[in-house]
Amino acid sequence: MRSIDKIIIGTFITFFIFAITIDYINSVASVHEEIRDENTSKWLWPPQFVFKLFYWWCENVDTILLHNDFLVKYLTCLSPFLFAPFYLIAIYAIYHKRQWIRIPIILFSLILFFDLNYFFYQALFGKEKTKNLLLFTLGYGYYQLFPLILIYRFSSKKPFKDTFDRIKIN
């Protein structure tokens, strides 16, 4: 397996964990109701330590998540309900070198890239600008870079074609 494929699989595993924990919070919370401990203390999922991380991130870096406007809720709903199953399928396909994953990965890459543009725009120009641009960029920057890595990796029509297949042995 190529090193880049190992990085992609590791990223998909990490994104899956974030999707079913952190992003899940915004996707099931009420629109325009501030997400606070008193609103979530009785939730069974995710574990309470995830809420502590979520609140710390929101209060120090990305306050837009706490207010959960309609577009934030919509965009975060993509993560646990559409992307999370996709991550598992993509992990399987990459591990087993299935060519059919190429187009879905490219489509996913475009959606993820443009999805995160909204958060960057809000962090820089929105009503609730980020309190820490460096931390914001470190936290979300890879979400902008990763789709470009995927497009690069899967731009070939046969991304899993082994170079040794092209060498003819007499």
C-alpha atoms as a PDB file:
ATOM      1  CA  MET A   1       0.000   0.000   0.000  1.00  0.00           C
ATOM      2  CA  ARG A   2       1.292   3.460  -0.872  1.00  0.00           C
ATOM      3  CA  SER A   3       2.192   5.880   1.920  1.00  0.00           C
ATOM      4  CA  ILE A   4      -0.350   8.386   0.613  1.00  0.00           C
ATOM      5  CA  ASP A   5      -3.073   5.733   0.862  1.00  0.00           C
ATOM      6  CA  LYS A   6      -2.119   5.094   4.492  1.00  0.00           C
ATOM      7  CA  ILE A   7      -2.393   8.839   5.187  1.00  0.00           C
ATOM      8  CA  ILE A   8      -5.781   8.958   3.455  1.00  0.00           C
ATOM      9  CA  ILE A   9      -7.090   5.970   5.439  1.00  0.00           C
ATOM     10  CA  GLY A  10      -5.789   7.488   8.702  1.00  0.00           C
ATOM     11  CA  THR A  11      -7.469  10.777   7.844  1.00  0.00           C
ATOM     12  CA  PHE A  12     -10.753   9.043   7.059  1.00  0.00           C
ATOM     13  CA  ILE A  13     -10.596   7.234  10.418  1.00  0.00           C
ATOM     14  CA  THR A  14      -9.969  10.549  12.221  1.00  0.00           C
ATOM     15  CA  PHE A  15     -12.717  12.327  10.281  1.00  0.00           C
ATOM     16  CA  PHE A  16     -15.098   9.452  11.079  1.00  0.00           C
ATOM     17  CA  ILE A  17     -14.460   9.887  14.806  1.00  0.00           C
ATOM     18  CA  PHE A  18     -15.046  13.649  14.557  1.00  0.00           C
ATOM     19  CA  ALA A  19     -18.187  13.064  12.472  1.00  0.00           C
ATOM     20  CA  ILE A  20     -19.863  10.793  15.014  1.00  0.00           C
ATOM     21  CA  THR A  21     -18.861  12.914  18.011  1.00  0.00           C
ATOM     22  CA  ILE A  22     -18.142  16.623  17.474  1.00  0.00           C
ATOM     23  CA  ASP A  23     -20.167  17.171  14.292  1.00  0.00           C
ATOM     24  CA  TYR A  24     -22.997  15.094  15.704  1.00  0.00           C
ATOM     25  CA  ILE A  25     -23.508  17.733  18.403  1.00  0.00           C
ATOM     26  CA  ASN A  26     -24.375  20.487  15.924  1.00  0.00           C
ATOM     27  CA  SER A  27     -26.349  18.194  13.674  1.00  0.00           C
ATOM     28  CA  VAL A  28     -28.849  17.188  16.381  1.00  0.00           C
ATOM     29  CA  ALA A  29     -28.933  20.425  18.403  1.00  0.00           C
ATOM     30  CA  SER A  30     -31.703  22.935  17.738  1.00  0.00           C
ATOM     31  CA  VAL A  31     -31.174  25.631  15.147  1.00  0.00           C
ATOM     32  CA  HIS A  32     -30.395  29.074  16.623  1.00  0.00           C
ATOM     33  CA  GLU A  33     -30.509  27.743  20.184  1.00  0.00           C
ATOM     34  CA  GLU A  34     -27.157  28.249  21.820  1.00  0.00           C
ATOM     35  CA  ILE A  35     -25.506  24.933  22.561  1.00  0.00           C
ATOM     36  CA  ARG A  36     -24.691  24.989  26.281  1.00  0.00           C
ATOM     37  CA  ASP A  37     -23.950  22.434  28.955  1.00  0.00           C
ATOM     38  CA  GLU A  38     -27.421  22.765  30.474  1.00  0.00           C
ATOM     39  CA  ASN A  39     -28.917  21.818  27.061  1.00  0.00           C
ATOM     40  CA  THR A  40     -26.682  18.785  26.554  1.00  0.00           C
ATOM     41  CA  SER A  41     -25.878  17.431  30.015  1.00  0.00           C
ATOM     42  CA  LYS A  42     -28.438  14.620  29.719  1.00  0.00           C
ATOM     43  CA  TRP A  43     -27.449  13.545  26.205  1.00  0.00           C
ATOM     44  CA  LEU A  44     -26.290   9.938  26.033  1.00  0.00           C
ATOM     45  CA  TRP A  45     -24.043  10.587  23.027  1.00  0.00           C
ATOM     46  CA  PRO A  46     -21.361  11.749  22.591  1.00  0.00           C
ATOM     47  CA  PRO A  47     -19.502  11.162  25.877  1.00  0.00           C
ATOM     48  CA  GLN A  48     -19.366  14.191  28.185  1.00  0.00           C
ATOM     49  CA  PHE A  49     -15.594  14.681  27.727  1.00  0.00           C
ATOM     50  CA  VAL A  50     -16.328  15.360  24.034  1.00  0.00           C
ATOM     51  CA  PHE A  51     -18.674  18.165  25.082  1.00  0.00           C
ATOM     52  CA  LYS A  52     -15.897  19.680  27.195  1.00  0.00           C
ATOM     53  CA  LEU A  53     -13.604  19.664  24.149  1.00  0.00           C
ATOM     54  CA  PHE A  54     -16.392  21.049  21.990  1.00  0.00           C
ATOM     55  CA  TYR A  55     -17.130  23.910  24.400  1.00  0.00           C
ATOM     56  CA  TRP A  56     -13.453  24.749  24.773  1.00  0.00           C
ATOM     57  CA  TRP A  57     -13.011  24.867  20.978  1.00  0.00           C
ATOM     58  CA  CYS A  58     -16.124  26.987  20.508  1.00  0.00           C
ATOM     59  CA  GLU A  59     -15.323  29.467  23.250  1.00  0.00           C
ATOM     60  CA  ASN A  60     -11.671  29.891  22.254  1.00  0.00           C
ATOM     61  CA  VAL A  61     -11.659  29.428  18.504  1.00  0.00           C
ATOM     62  CA  ASP A  62     -14.964  28.954  16.647  1.00  0.00           C
ATOM     63  CA  THR A  63     -17.969  30.550  18.343  1.00  0.00           C
ATOM     64  CA  ILE A  64     -20.197  30.115  15.291  1.00  0.00           C
ATOM     65  CA  LEU A  65     -20.655  26.469  16.253  1.00  0.00           C
ATOM     66  CA  LEU A  66     -22.255  27.428  19.584  1.00  0.00           C
ATOM     67  CA  HIS A  67     -25.004  29.401  17.877  1.00  0.00           C
ATOM     68  CA  ASN A  68     -25.776  26.697  15.326  1.00  0.00           C
ATOM     69  CA  ASP A  69     -27.439  28.767  12.638  1.00  0.00           C
ATOM     70  CA  PHE A  70     -29.340  26.999   9.873  1.00  0.00           C
ATOM     71  CA  LEU A  71     -26.390  26.756   7.485  1.00  0.00           C
ATOM     72  CA  VAL A  72     -24.010  25.495  10.184  1.00  0.00           C
ATOM     73  CA  LYS A  73     -26.561  22.835  11.137  1.00  0.00           C
ATOM     74  CA  TYR A  74     -27.037  21.851   7.493  1.00  0.00           C
ATOM     75  CA  LEU A  75     -23.287  21.631   6.822  1.00  0.00           C
ATOM     76  CA  THR A  76     -22.572  19.723  10.030  1.00  0.00           C
ATOM     77  CA  CYS A  77     -25.419  17.287   9.268  1.00  0.00           C
ATOM     78  CA  LEU A  78     -23.475  16.189   6.216  1.00  0.00           C
ATOM     79  CA  SER A  79     -20.688  14.900   8.426  1.00  0.00           C
ATOM     80  CA  PRO A  80     -22.341  12.232  10.631  1.00  0.00           C
ATOM     81  CA  PHE A  81     -25.146  11.277   8.256  1.00  0.00           C
ATOM     82  CA  LEU A  82     -23.497  11.357   4.820  1.00  0.00           C
ATOM     83  CA  PHE A  83     -19.731  11.569   5.227  1.00  0.00           C
ATOM     84  CA  ALA A  84     -19.321   9.085   8.115  1.00  0.00           C
ATOM     85  CA  PRO A  85     -20.739   6.135   6.139  1.00  0.00           C
ATOM     86  CA  PHE A  86     -18.728   7.305   3.142  1.00  0.00           C
ATOM     87  CA  TYR A  87     -15.521   7.265   5.211  1.00  0.00           C
ATOM     88  CA  LEU A  88     -16.069   3.599   6.056  1.00  0.00           C
ATOM     89  CA  ILE A  89     -16.795   2.717   2.425  1.00  0.00           C
ATOM     90  CA  ALA A  90     -13.756   4.680   1.238  1.00  0.00           C
ATOM     91  CA  ILE A  91     -11.488   2.995   3.795  1.00  0.00           C
ATOM     92  CA  TYR A  92     -12.660  -0.397   2.557  1.00  0.00           C
ATOM     93  CA  ALA A  93     -12.251   0.577  -1.104  1.00  0.00           C
ATOM     94  CA  ILE A  94      -8.783   2.060  -0.689  1.00  0.00           C
ATOM     95  CA  TYR A  95      -7.554  -0.819   1.446  1.00  0.00           C
ATOM     96  CA  HIS A  96      -8.841  -3.348  -1.106  1.00  0.00           C
ATOM     97  CA  LYS A  97      -7.797  -1.188  -4.108  1.00  0.00           C
ATOM     98  CA  ARG A  98     -11.265  -0.839  -5.617  1.00  0.00           C
ATOM     99  CA  GLN A  99     -11.268   1.420  -8.679  1.00  0.00           C
ATOM    100  CA  TRP A 100     -14.970   2.321  -8.292  1.00  0.00           C
ATOM    101  CA  ILE A 101     -14.188   4.654  -5.372  1.00  0.00           C
ATOM    102  CA  ARG A 102     -12.439   7.176  -7.649  1.00  0.00           C
ATOM    103  CA  ILE A 103     -15.476   9.286  -8.688  1.00  0.00           C
ATOM    104  CA  PRO A 104     -17.144   9.228  -5.228  1.00  0.00           C
ATOM    105  CA  ILE A 105     -13.868  10.412  -3.666  1.00  0.00           C
ATOM    106  CA  ILE A 106     -13.548  13.256  -6.152  1.00  0.00           C
ATOM    107  CA  LEU A 107     -17.162  14.305  -5.493  1.00  0.00           C
ATOM    108  CA  PHE A 108     -16.616  14.082  -1.746  1.00  0.00           C
ATOM    109  CA  SER A 109     -13.455  16.179  -2.088  1.00  0.00           C
ATOM    110  CA  LEU A 110     -15.306  18.976  -3.858  1.00  0.00           C
ATOM    111  CA  ILE A 111     -18.130  18.976  -1.308  1.00  0.00           C
ATOM    112  CA  LEU A 112     -15.736  19.013   1.657  1.00  0.00           C
ATOM    113  CA  PHE A 113     -13.599  21.773   0.170  1.00  0.00           C
ATOM    114  CA  PHE A 114     -16.554  24.084  -0.476  1.00  0.00           C
ATOM    115  CA  ASP A 115     -18.251  23.108   2.804  1.00  0.00           C
ATOM    116  CA  LEU A 116     -15.244  24.383   4.778  1.00  0.00           C
ATOM    117  CA  ASN A 117     -15.082  27.590   2.759  1.00  0.00           C
ATOM    118  CA  TYR A 118     -18.185  28.762   4.640  1.00  0.00           C
ATOM    119  CA  PHE A 119     -16.464  28.292   7.993  1.00  0.00           C
ATOM    120  CA  PHE A 120     -13.334  30.107   6.820  1.00  0.00           C
ATOM    121  CA  TYR A 121     -15.414  32.965   5.448  1.00  0.00           C
ATOM    122  CA  GLN A 122     -17.296  33.302   8.760  1.00  0.00           C
ATOM    123  CA  ALA A 123     -14.069  33.101  10.762  1.00  0.00           C
ATOM    124  CA  LEU A 124     -12.530  35.926   8.759  1.00  0.00           C
ATOM    125  CA  PHE A 125     -15.466  38.169   7.787  1.00  0.00           C
ATOM    126  CA  GLY A 126     -18.595  37.007   9.626  1.00  0.00           C
ATOM    127  CA  LYS A 127     -20.363  38.468  12.663  1.00  0.00           C
ATOM    128  CA  GLU A 128     -18.540  36.046  14.930  1.00  0.00           C
ATOM    129  CA  LYS A 129     -14.945  36.134  13.753  1.00  0.00           C
ATOM    130  CA  THR A 130     -12.550  33.589  15.165  1.00  0.00           C
ATOM    131  CA  LYS A 131     -10.834  34.509  18.397  1.00  0.00           C
ATOM    132  CA  ASN A 132      -7.665  32.703  17.351  1.00  0.00           C
ATOM    133  CA  LEU A 133      -6.918  32.622  13.620  1.00  0.00           C
ATOM    134  CA  LEU A 134      -3.798  30.493  14.046  1.00  0.00           C
ATOM    135  CA  LEU A 135      -5.613  27.773  15.991  1.00  0.00           C
ATOM    136  CA  PHE A 136      -8.579  28.001  13.623  1.00  0.00           C
ATOM    137  CA  THR A 137      -6.316  27.509  10.620  1.00  0.00           C
ATOM    138  CA  LEU A 138      -4.448  24.661  12.301  1.00  0.00           C
ATOM    139  CA  GLY A 139      -7.749  22.964  13.164  1.00  0.00           C
ATOM    140  CA  TYR A 140      -9.572  23.466   9.880  1.00  0.00           C
ATOM    141  CA  GLY A 141      -6.742  23.981   7.411  1.00  0.00           C
ATOM    142  CA  TYR A 142      -6.252  20.277   6.815  1.00  0.00           C
ATOM    143  CA  TYR A 143      -9.930  20.047   5.855  1.00  0.00           C
ATOM    144  CA  GLN A 144      -9.060  22.414   2.986  1.00  0.00           C
ATOM    145  CA  LEU A 145      -5.812  20.660   2.083  1.00  0.00           C
ATOM    146  CA  PHE A 146      -7.096  17.077   2.289  1.00  0.00           C
ATOM    147  CA  PRO A 147      -9.537  17.381  -0.652  1.00  0.00           C
ATOM    148  CA  LEU A 148      -6.644  18.575  -2.821  1.00  0.00           C
ATOM    149  CA  ILE A 149      -4.593  15.546  -1.738  1.00  0.00           C
ATOM    150  CA  LEU A 150      -7.507  13.275  -2.653  1.00  0.00           C
ATOM    151  CA  ILE A 151      -8.008  14.878  -6.053  1.00  0.00           C
ATOM    152  CA  TYR A 152      -4.291  14.550  -6.753  1.00  0.00           C
ATOM    153  CA  ARG A 153      -4.269  10.899  -5.668  1.00  0.00           C
ATOM    154  CA  PHE A 154      -7.439   9.928  -7.538  1.00  0.00           C
ATOM    155  CA  SER A 155      -7.014  12.038 -10.690  1.00  0.00           C
ATOM    156  CA  SER A 156      -5.731   8.985 -12.578  1.00  0.00           C
ATOM    157  CA  LYS A 157      -8.434   6.898 -14.257  1.00  0.00           C
ATOM    158  CA  LYS A 158      -6.965   3.796 -12.603  1.00  0.00           C
ATOM    159  CA  PRO A 159      -5.624   5.024  -9.247  1.00  0.00           C
ATOM    160  CA  PHE A 160      -4.733   1.533  -8.053  1.00  0.00           C
ATOM    161  CA  LYS A 161      -3.076   0.323 -11.232  1.00  0.00           C
ATOM    162  CA  ASP A 162       0.279  -0.935 -10.135  1.00  0.00           C
ATOM    163  CA  THR A 163       3.233   0.390 -12.095  1.00  0.00           C
ATOM    164  CA  PHE A 164       4.530  -3.163 -12.283  1.00  0.00           C
ATOM    165  CA  ASP A 165       1.506  -4.097 -14.405  1.00  0.00           C
ATOM    166  CA  ARG A 166       2.906  -1.941 -17.217  1.00  0.00           C
ATOM    167  CA  ILE A 167       6.252  -3.759 -17.360  1.00  0.00           C
ATOM    168  CA  LYS A 168       6.183  -6.706 -19.697  1.00  0.00           C
ATOM    169  CA  ILE A 169       8.471  -9.510 -18.762  1.00  0.00           C
ATOM    170  CA  ASN A 170       9.788 -11.527 -21.714  1.00  0.00           C
END
